[in-house]
Amino acid sequence: MRTRRRGFTLIELLVVIAIIAILAAILFPVFAQARDKARQTMCLSNLKQIGTASMLYVQDYDETLYPVSYLYTNGAGQLCMRAWYNHYNYSTQVFDPREGLLQPYMKNVQIQDCPTAKHLDGGGTLTNSLLAYGLNENLHPSSGPATLAAMAAPADTVLMADAANLSGTASNFYPSRFPSLRRPSNPFRPNVHGRHSGFANVLWCDGHAKAMKPVFRDVGHGIYTPEALRQHNLGDLIKPGTTRADDWYFRLDK
C-alpha cells in the first residue's frame, strides 16, 4: 500500500514565518550597529593617518602647521592642506585633492572622507565636496598658521574632527559638509557632528585620535533651533569642568 506523505499545515508555516520575523527583528539592529561601529573605526583610522601625515608635515616645516586658508599659486589657483583649487574661474571649477599639501605624506585621497558622511553634500561649494572633517578655527589666526611651540598642550588641543553645518529651511533641515570647526564660544550654530551613534571622532594636535560626545546647546542660532541641532547630533566639544566660553580644547594657551 502507498503511504500518503504529510505536508506542512498552514499553522506550522505561520509559526515558522513568525519565528523568522522575530529573529530578523532581533538581528537586523545588531547588524546595523555592527556596521556603524565598523564605519566609526574606519573613520578613526582615517583621522589617525591624517594625524601622522600632519606630524610629518610639521617636522618638515619648522613645527608649523599647514595653512587652513588657501595659498595663491601663480595666480592660477589656490592650495591648501586638502587640495588644489582654481578659485578664480567658477564656470570651470577644478578641485583636485591629489595636489593637497598633505598628499605627499598621505598618498591617499580617500582617507580625507568619513564613510558615515558619504551622504553629506558640499553645501553648494565644490571645495567642501570631499573633506568630512572640520579644522579648528583657532589654528588659522590672521598672523598665519599655528606652531607647536605656541601650543601649551598639543594633546589637549583639537586639530580637526567630524564636522557638518546645519543647512536648509525650518521645514527641511539637513547637515552638509563644512571645512572649519567652530569653537564653543562662537555665536554661530555648532558644527561638531556626532554622526557615529552620537559620537564624533576627534584628531588632536599631537596626532592621536579618539571618539567624544558633543555637548548640545540650549540656545539656537536664527531658525536653527536647539531641537534641530540636537536632532542632527550637532554640538560642541567642551572639556568637563569648563564652560562654553572657555574654549579649552580650541585654545592654544591653556
C-alpha atoms as a PDB file:
ATOM      1  CA  MET A   1       0.000   0.000   0.000  1.00  0.00           C
ATOM      2  CA  ARG A   2       1.223   3.526  -0.790  1.00  0.00           C
ATOM      3  CA  THR A   3       1.605   5.796   2.216  1.00  0.00           C
ATOM      4  CA  ARG A   4       0.467   9.376   1.823  1.00  0.00           C
ATOM      5  CA  ARG A   5       3.199  11.959   2.569  1.00  0.00           C
ATOM      6  CA  ARG A   6       2.055  14.548   5.059  1.00  0.00           C
ATOM      7  CA  GLY A   7       2.834  18.208   4.217  1.00  0.00           C
ATOM      8  CA  PHE A   8       3.115  21.245   6.459  1.00  0.00           C
ATOM      9  CA  THR A   9      -0.080  22.636   7.784  1.00  0.00           C
ATOM     10  CA  LEU A  10      -0.927  26.315   7.479  1.00  0.00           C
ATOM     11  CA  ILE A  11      -0.457  26.755  11.224  1.00  0.00           C
ATOM     12  CA  GLU A  12       3.046  25.272  11.074  1.00  0.00           C
ATOM     13  CA  LEU A  13       4.036  27.554   8.189  1.00  0.00           C
ATOM     14  CA  LEU A  14       2.730  30.599  10.027  1.00  0.00           C
ATOM     15  CA  VAL A  15       4.708  29.613  13.145  1.00  0.00           C
ATOM     16  CA  VAL A  16       7.923  29.263  11.112  1.00  0.00           C
ATOM     17  CA  ILE A  17       7.333  32.638   9.430  1.00  0.00           C
ATOM     18  CA  ALA A  18       6.694  34.260  12.814  1.00  0.00           C
ATOM     19  CA  ILE A  19       9.925  32.804  14.226  1.00  0.00           C
ATOM     20  CA  ILE A  20      11.916  34.083  11.223  1.00  0.00           C
ATOM     21  CA  ALA A  21      10.332  37.546  11.608  1.00  0.00           C
ATOM     22  CA  ILE A  22      11.206  37.644  15.316  1.00  0.00           C
ATOM     23  CA  LEU A  23      14.817  36.608  14.619  1.00  0.00           C
ATOM     24  CA  ALA A  24      15.100  39.229  11.882  1.00  0.00           C
ATOM     25  CA  ALA A  25      13.749  41.936  14.208  1.00  0.00           C
ATOM     26  CA  ILE A  26      16.349  40.957  16.802  1.00  0.00           C
ATOM     27  CA  LEU A  27      19.321  40.590  14.443  1.00  0.00           C
ATOM     28  CA  PHE A  28      18.877  43.490  12.000  1.00  0.00           C
ATOM     29  CA  PRO A  29      19.516  46.216  14.635  1.00  0.00           C
ATOM     30  CA  VAL A  30      22.584  44.265  15.751  1.00  0.00           C
ATOM     31  CA  PHE A  31      23.847  44.150  12.159  1.00  0.00           C
ATOM     32  CA  ALA A  32      23.193  47.889  11.775  1.00  0.00           C
ATOM     33  CA  GLN A  33      25.087  48.646  14.993  1.00  0.00           C
ATOM     34  CA  ALA A  34      27.987  46.478  13.857  1.00  0.00           C
ATOM     35  CA  ARG A  35      28.067  48.280  10.515  1.00  0.00           C
ATOM     36  CA  ASP A  36      28.006  51.702  12.215  1.00  0.00           C
ATOM     37  CA  LYS A  37      30.791  50.611  14.559  1.00  0.00           C
ATOM     38  CA  ALA A  38      32.887  49.442  11.607  1.00  0.00           C
ATOM     39  CA  ARG A  39      32.410  52.822   9.908  1.00  0.00           C
ATOM     40  CA  GLN A  40      33.369  54.640  13.099  1.00  0.00           C
ATOM     41  CA  THR A  41      36.528  52.530  13.364  1.00  0.00           C
ATOM     42  CA  MET A  42      37.392  53.253   9.730  1.00  0.00           C
ATOM     43  CA  CYS A  43      36.826  56.983  10.294  1.00  0.00           C
ATOM     44  CA  LEU A  44      39.041  56.909  13.382  1.00  0.00           C
ATOM     45  CA  SER A  45      41.733  55.153  11.339  1.00  0.00           C
ATOM     46  CA  ASN A  46      41.442  57.882   8.681  1.00  0.00           C
ATOM     47  CA  LEU A  47      41.994  60.585  11.286  1.00  0.00           C
ATOM     48  CA  LYS A  48      44.981  58.775  12.776  1.00  0.00           C
ATOM     49  CA  GLN A  49      46.573  58.578   9.312  1.00  0.00           C
ATOM     50  CA  ILE A  50      45.884  62.279   8.736  1.00  0.00           C
ATOM     51  CA  GLY A  51      47.404  62.932  12.168  1.00  0.00           C
ATOM     52  CA  THR A  52      50.557  61.021  11.256  1.00  0.00           C
ATOM     53  CA  ALA A  53      50.805  62.918   7.958  1.00  0.00           C
ATOM     54  CA  SER A  54      50.293  66.200   9.820  1.00  0.00           C
ATOM     55  CA  MET A  55      53.130  65.417  12.235  1.00  0.00           C
ATOM     56  CA  LEU A  56      55.437  64.615   9.298  1.00  0.00           C
ATOM     57  CA  TYR A  57      54.477  67.884   7.625  1.00  0.00           C
ATOM     58  CA  VAL A  58      55.096  69.823  10.839  1.00  0.00           C
ATOM     59  CA  GLN A  59      58.564  68.323  11.214  1.00  0.00           C
ATOM     60  CA  ASP A  60      59.444  69.394   7.668  1.00  0.00           C
ATOM     61  CA  TYR A  61      58.197  72.958   8.161  1.00  0.00           C
ATOM     62  CA  ASP A  62      59.805  74.082  11.417  1.00  0.00           C
ATOM     63  CA  GLU A  63      56.952  72.771  13.588  1.00  0.00           C
ATOM     64  CA  THR A  64      54.440  74.962  11.754  1.00  0.00           C
ATOM     65  CA  LEU A  65      51.034  73.618  10.751  1.00  0.00           C
ATOM     66  CA  TYR A  66      49.828  73.779   7.166  1.00  0.00           C
ATOM     67  CA  PRO A  67      47.680  76.819   6.359  1.00  0.00           C
ATOM     68  CA  VAL A  68      43.978  76.196   6.623  1.00  0.00           C
ATOM     69  CA  SER A  69      43.228  79.048   4.247  1.00  0.00           C
ATOM     70  CA  TYR A  70      44.427  78.846   0.665  1.00  0.00           C
ATOM     71  CA  LEU A  71      47.842  79.840  -0.653  1.00  0.00           C
ATOM     72  CA  TYR A  72      47.923  81.524  -4.045  1.00  0.00           C
ATOM     73  CA  THR A  73      49.882  79.653  -6.686  1.00  0.00           C
ATOM     74  CA  ASN A  74      50.992  81.878  -9.587  1.00  0.00           C
ATOM     75  CA  GLY A  75      47.570  83.469  -9.824  1.00  0.00           C
ATOM     76  CA  ALA A  76      46.161  80.283 -11.376  1.00  0.00           C
ATOM     77  CA  GLY A  77      44.562  78.822  -8.293  1.00  0.00           C
ATOM     78  CA  GLN A  78      44.901  78.196  -4.600  1.00  0.00           C
ATOM     79  CA  LEU A  79      46.480  75.492  -2.487  1.00  0.00           C
ATOM     80  CA  CYS A  80      45.560  74.181   0.960  1.00  0.00           C
ATOM     81  CA  MET A  81      46.090  71.062   3.030  1.00  0.00           C
ATOM     82  CA  ARG A  82      43.376  69.119   1.237  1.00  0.00           C
ATOM     83  CA  ALA A  83      43.539  70.150  -2.446  1.00  0.00           C
ATOM     84  CA  TRP A  84      44.478  72.483  -5.281  1.00  0.00           C
ATOM     85  CA  TYR A  85      41.600  74.685  -6.355  1.00  0.00           C
ATOM     86  CA  ASN A  86      41.256  77.171  -9.241  1.00  0.00           C
ATOM     87  CA  HIS A  87      39.315  79.658  -7.178  1.00  0.00           C
ATOM     88  CA  TYR A  88      39.149  82.329  -9.859  1.00  0.00           C
ATOM     89  CA  ASN A  89      37.181  80.544 -12.553  1.00  0.00           C
ATOM     90  CA  TYR A  90      33.842  79.432 -11.127  1.00  0.00           C
ATOM     91  CA  SER A  91      32.484  78.388 -14.526  1.00  0.00           C
ATOM     92  CA  THR A  92      35.190  75.723 -14.835  1.00  0.00           C
ATOM     93  CA  GLN A  93      35.955  74.963 -11.218  1.00  0.00           C
ATOM     94  CA  VAL A  94      38.567  72.322 -10.550  1.00  0.00           C
ATOM     95  CA  PHE A  95      39.068  70.786  -7.133  1.00  0.00           C
ATOM     96  CA  ASP A  96      41.982  68.349  -7.154  1.00  0.00           C
ATOM     97  CA  PRO A  97      42.558  66.606  -3.803  1.00  0.00           C
ATOM     98  CA  ARG A  98      45.626  64.847  -5.218  1.00  0.00           C
ATOM     99  CA  GLU A  99      47.521  68.153  -5.039  1.00  0.00           C
ATOM    100  CA  GLY A 100      46.851  68.978  -1.373  1.00  0.00           C
ATOM    101  CA  LEU A 101      49.724  69.941   0.921  1.00  0.00           C
ATOM    102  CA  LEU A 102      49.317  66.709   2.921  1.00  0.00           C
ATOM    103  CA  GLN A 103      49.188  64.357  -0.057  1.00  0.00           C
ATOM    104  CA  PRO A 104      52.989  63.808  -0.212  1.00  0.00           C
ATOM    105  CA  TYR A 105      52.667  62.399   3.315  1.00  0.00           C
ATOM    106  CA  MET A 106      49.337  60.550   2.928  1.00  0.00           C
ATOM    107  CA  LYS A 107      49.433  59.262  -0.671  1.00  0.00           C
ATOM    108  CA  ASN A 108      45.718  58.658  -0.246  1.00  0.00           C
ATOM    109  CA  VAL A 109      42.773  60.880  -1.148  1.00  0.00           C
ATOM    110  CA  GLN A 110      40.014  58.682   0.265  1.00  0.00           C
ATOM    111  CA  ILE A 111      41.108  58.961   3.900  1.00  0.00           C
ATOM    112  CA  GLN A 112      40.024  62.613   3.914  1.00  0.00           C
ATOM    113  CA  ASP A 113      36.420  61.402   3.844  1.00  0.00           C
ATOM    114  CA  CYS A 114      34.357  59.693   6.545  1.00  0.00           C
ATOM    115  CA  PRO A 115      32.399  56.592   5.442  1.00  0.00           C
ATOM    116  CA  THR A 116      29.413  57.736   7.502  1.00  0.00           C
ATOM    117  CA  ALA A 117      29.445  61.134   5.764  1.00  0.00           C
ATOM    118  CA  LYS A 118      29.061  59.783   2.227  1.00  0.00           C
ATOM    119  CA  HIS A 119      25.508  61.152   2.014  1.00  0.00           C
ATOM    120  CA  LEU A 120      26.508  64.703   3.017  1.00  0.00           C
ATOM    121  CA  ASP A 121      26.721  67.209   0.172  1.00  0.00           C
ATOM    122  CA  GLY A 122      29.149  70.090  -0.135  1.00  0.00           C
ATOM    123  CA  GLY A 123      26.622  72.708   0.879  1.00  0.00           C
ATOM    124  CA  GLY A 124      26.759  74.130  -2.646  1.00  0.00           C
ATOM    125  CA  THR A 125      30.538  74.577  -2.504  1.00  0.00           C
ATOM    126  CA  LEU A 126      32.831  72.423  -4.621  1.00  0.00           C
ATOM    127  CA  THR A 127      35.727  72.739  -2.181  1.00  0.00           C
ATOM    128  CA  ASN A 128      33.685  71.098   0.580  1.00  0.00           C
ATOM    129  CA  SER A 129      32.784  68.077  -1.524  1.00  0.00           C
ATOM    130  CA  LEU A 130      35.437  65.738  -0.151  1.00  0.00           C
ATOM    131  CA  LEU A 131      36.615  66.795   3.280  1.00  0.00           C
ATOM    132  CA  ALA A 132      34.421  65.360   6.055  1.00  0.00           C
ATOM    133  CA  TYR A 133      36.472  66.869   8.873  1.00  0.00           C
ATOM    134  CA  GLY A 134      36.496  70.466  10.102  1.00  0.00           C
ATOM    135  CA  LEU A 135      39.740  72.158  11.152  1.00  0.00           C
ATOM    136  CA  ASN A 136      39.950  74.014  14.478  1.00  0.00           C
ATOM    137  CA  GLU A 137      39.213  77.638  13.547  1.00  0.00           C
ATOM    138  CA  ASN A 138      41.705  78.857  16.189  1.00  0.00           C
ATOM    139  CA  LEU A 139      44.595  77.298  14.269  1.00  0.00           C
ATOM    140  CA  HIS A 140      44.499  79.854  11.461  1.00  0.00           C
ATOM    141  CA  PRO A 141      44.712  83.322  13.022  1.00  0.00           C
ATOM    142  CA  SER A 142      45.408  86.383  10.886  1.00  0.00           C
ATOM    143  CA  SER A 143      49.093  86.151  11.811  1.00  0.00           C
ATOM    144  CA  GLY A 144      49.443  82.822   9.988  1.00  0.00           C
ATOM    145  CA  PRO A 145      49.365  79.077  10.718  1.00  0.00           C
ATOM    146  CA  ALA A 146      49.856  77.999  14.320  1.00  0.00           C
ATOM    147  CA  THR A 147      53.066  76.386  15.537  1.00  0.00           C
ATOM    148  CA  LEU A 148      53.568  73.563  18.009  1.00  0.00           C
ATOM    149  CA  ALA A 149      55.661  75.927  20.109  1.00  0.00           C
ATOM    150  CA  ALA A 150      52.598  78.155  20.564  1.00  0.00           C
ATOM    151  CA  MET A 151      50.574  75.266  21.976  1.00  0.00           C
ATOM    152  CA  ALA A 152      50.716  74.765  25.711  1.00  0.00           C
ATOM    153  CA  ALA A 153      49.179  71.298  25.412  1.00  0.00           C
ATOM    154  CA  PRO A 154      49.064  69.782  21.870  1.00  0.00           C
ATOM    155  CA  ALA A 155      47.497  66.579  23.225  1.00  0.00           C
ATOM    156  CA  ASP A 156      44.628  68.676  24.610  1.00  0.00           C
ATOM    157  CA  THR A 157      44.156  70.901  21.549  1.00  0.00           C
ATOM    158  CA  VAL A 158      41.797  69.901  18.725  1.00  0.00           C
ATOM    159  CA  LEU A 159      43.256  69.744  15.225  1.00  0.00           C
ATOM    160  CA  MET A 160      40.148  68.525  13.394  1.00  0.00           C
ATOM    161  CA  ALA A 161      37.007  66.487  13.996  1.00  0.00           C
ATOM    162  CA  ASP A 162      33.844  65.149  12.366  1.00  0.00           C
ATOM    163  CA  ALA A 163      32.055  68.291  11.222  1.00  0.00           C
ATOM    164  CA  ALA A 164      28.858  69.324   9.479  1.00  0.00           C
ATOM    165  CA  ASN A 165      26.929  72.540   9.051  1.00  0.00           C
ATOM    166  CA  LEU A 166      23.161  72.541   9.575  1.00  0.00           C
ATOM    167  CA  SER A 167      21.591  73.920   6.396  1.00  0.00           C
ATOM    168  CA  GLY A 168      18.172  74.214   4.819  1.00  0.00           C
ATOM    169  CA  THR A 169      14.907  75.751   5.973  1.00  0.00           C
ATOM    170  CA  ALA A 170      12.737  75.248   9.030  1.00  0.00           C
ATOM    171  CA  SER A 171      10.732  72.644   7.110  1.00  0.00           C
ATOM    172  CA  ASN A 172      13.779  70.812   5.786  1.00  0.00           C
ATOM    173  CA  PHE A 173      16.965  70.954   7.858  1.00  0.00           C
ATOM    174  CA  TYR A 174      19.905  68.810   6.747  1.00  0.00           C
ATOM    175  CA  PRO A 175      23.624  68.574   7.608  1.00  0.00           C
ATOM    176  CA  SER A 176      26.169  69.491   4.915  1.00  0.00           C
ATOM    177  CA  ARG A 177      29.956  69.435   4.784  1.00  0.00           C
ATOM    178  CA  PHE A 178      31.893  72.316   6.293  1.00  0.00           C
ATOM    179  CA  PRO A 179      35.717  72.691   6.391  1.00  0.00           C
ATOM    180  CA  SER A 180      36.050  74.643   9.651  1.00  0.00           C
ATOM    181  CA  LEU A 181      35.340  73.513  13.223  1.00  0.00           C
ATOM    182  CA  ARG A 182      33.681  76.246  15.286  1.00  0.00           C
ATOM    183  CA  ARG A 183      34.818  76.817  18.861  1.00  0.00           C
ATOM    184  CA  PRO A 184      32.140  76.622  21.593  1.00  0.00           C
ATOM    185  CA  SER A 185      32.115  80.393  22.183  1.00  0.00           C
ATOM    186  CA  ASN A 186      31.360  81.066  18.505  1.00  0.00           C
ATOM    187  CA  PRO A 187      27.824  82.542  18.417  1.00  0.00           C
ATOM    188  CA  PHE A 188      27.015  80.733  15.177  1.00  0.00           C
ATOM    189  CA  ARG A 189      25.486  77.273  15.279  1.00  0.00           C
ATOM    190  CA  PRO A 190      27.799  74.470  16.494  1.00  0.00           C
ATOM    191  CA  ASN A 191      29.097  72.003  13.925  1.00  0.00           C
ATOM    192  CA  VAL A 192      30.837  69.143  15.723  1.00  0.00           C
ATOM    193  CA  HIS A 193      28.934  66.228  14.177  1.00  0.00           C
ATOM    194  CA  GLY A 194      28.165  63.215  16.353  1.00  0.00           C
ATOM    195  CA  ARG A 195      27.401  61.022  13.361  1.00  0.00           C
ATOM    196  CA  HIS A 196      28.737  57.814  14.890  1.00  0.00           C
ATOM    197  CA  SER A 197      25.812  56.838  17.117  1.00  0.00           C
ATOM    198  CA  GLY A 198      26.048  60.203  18.849  1.00  0.00           C
ATOM    199  CA  PHE A 199      29.877  60.320  18.965  1.00  0.00           C
ATOM    200  CA  ALA A 200      32.300  62.424  16.910  1.00  0.00           C
ATOM    201  CA  ASN A 201      35.825  61.290  16.097  1.00  0.00           C
ATOM    202  CA  VAL A 202      38.403  63.914  17.073  1.00  0.00           C
ATOM    203  CA  LEU A 203      42.046  64.349  15.987  1.00  0.00           C
ATOM    204  CA  TRP A 204      44.365  66.222  18.354  1.00  0.00           C
ATOM    205  CA  CYS A 205      47.452  68.292  17.626  1.00  0.00           C
ATOM    206  CA  ASP A 206      49.825  65.600  18.905  1.00  0.00           C
ATOM    207  CA  GLY A 207      48.476  63.118  16.328  1.00  0.00           C
ATOM    208  CA  HIS A 208      46.241  60.901  18.484  1.00  0.00           C
ATOM    209  CA  ALA A 209      42.515  60.454  17.820  1.00  0.00           C
ATOM    210  CA  LYS A 210      39.537  59.408  19.913  1.00  0.00           C
ATOM    211  CA  ALA A 211      35.721  59.485  19.936  1.00  0.00           C
ATOM    212  CA  MET A 212      33.896  62.120  22.002  1.00  0.00           C
ATOM    213  CA  LYS A 213      30.264  63.015  22.588  1.00  0.00           C
ATOM    214  CA  PRO A 214      29.304  66.563  21.509  1.00  0.00           C
ATOM    215  CA  VAL A 215      27.594  68.782  24.090  1.00  0.00           C
ATOM    216  CA  PHE A 216      24.303  70.231  22.854  1.00  0.00           C
ATOM    217  CA  ARG A 217      23.412  73.905  23.257  1.00  0.00           C
ATOM    218  CA  ASP A 218      20.328  75.277  24.965  1.00  0.00           C
ATOM    219  CA  VAL A 219      20.257  78.258  22.601  1.00  0.00           C
ATOM    220  CA  GLY A 220      19.903  78.049  18.832  1.00  0.00           C
ATOM    221  CA  HIS A 221      21.005  80.381  16.051  1.00  0.00           C
ATOM    222  CA  GLY A 222      18.312  82.089  13.999  1.00  0.00           C
ATOM    223  CA  ILE A 223      15.932  79.485  12.582  1.00  0.00           C
ATOM    224  CA  TYR A 224      18.267  76.711  13.706  1.00  0.00           C
ATOM    225  CA  THR A 225      16.665  75.733  16.992  1.00  0.00           C
ATOM    226  CA  PRO A 226      18.330  73.713  19.760  1.00  0.00           C
ATOM    227  CA  GLU A 227      15.934  70.876  18.918  1.00  0.00           C
ATOM    228  CA  ALA A 228      17.013  70.858  15.257  1.00  0.00           C
ATOM    229  CA  LEU A 229      20.690  70.884  16.210  1.00  0.00           C
ATOM    230  CA  ARG A 230      20.152  68.067  18.687  1.00  0.00           C
ATOM    231  CA  GLN A 231      18.155  66.041  16.149  1.00  0.00           C
ATOM    232  CA  HIS A 232      21.109  66.143  13.763  1.00  0.00           C
ATOM    233  CA  ASN A 233      23.698  65.492  16.522  1.00  0.00           C
ATOM    234  CA  LEU A 234      25.418  68.874  16.188  1.00  0.00           C
ATOM    235  CA  GLY A 235      27.087  70.252  19.300  1.00  0.00           C
ATOM    236  CA  ASP A 236      30.346  71.496  20.833  1.00  0.00           C
ATOM    237  CA  LEU A 237      33.496  69.936  22.267  1.00  0.00           C
ATOM    238  CA  ILE A 238      33.686  71.124  25.861  1.00  0.00           C
ATOM    239  CA  LYS A 239      36.100  69.843  28.481  1.00  0.00           C
ATOM    240  CA  PRO A 240      34.305  68.622  31.627  1.00  0.00           C
ATOM    241  CA  GLY A 241      34.597  71.197  34.385  1.00  0.00           C
ATOM    242  CA  THR A 242      34.961  74.139  31.966  1.00  0.00           C
ATOM    243  CA  THR A 243      32.399  76.441  30.392  1.00  0.00           C
ATOM    244  CA  ARG A 244      31.478  77.034  26.777  1.00  0.00           C
ATOM    245  CA  ALA A 245      33.127  80.466  26.903  1.00  0.00           C
ATOM    246  CA  ASP A 246      36.424  78.887  27.941  1.00  0.00           C
ATOM    247  CA  ASP A 247      37.124  77.176  24.574  1.00  0.00           C
ATOM    248  CA  TRP A 248      39.584  74.892  26.377  1.00  0.00           C
ATOM    249  CA  TYR A 249      40.032  72.320  23.618  1.00  0.00           C
ATOM    250  CA  PHE A 250      40.339  75.027  20.934  1.00  0.00           C
ATOM    251  CA  ARG A 251      42.718  77.486  22.634  1.00  0.00           C
ATOM    252  CA  LEU A 252      46.461  77.329  22.017  1.00  0.00           C
ATOM    253  CA  ASP A 253      47.180  78.669  25.504  1.00  0.00           C
ATOM    254  CA  LYS A 254      45.875  76.708  28.499  1.00  0.00           C
END
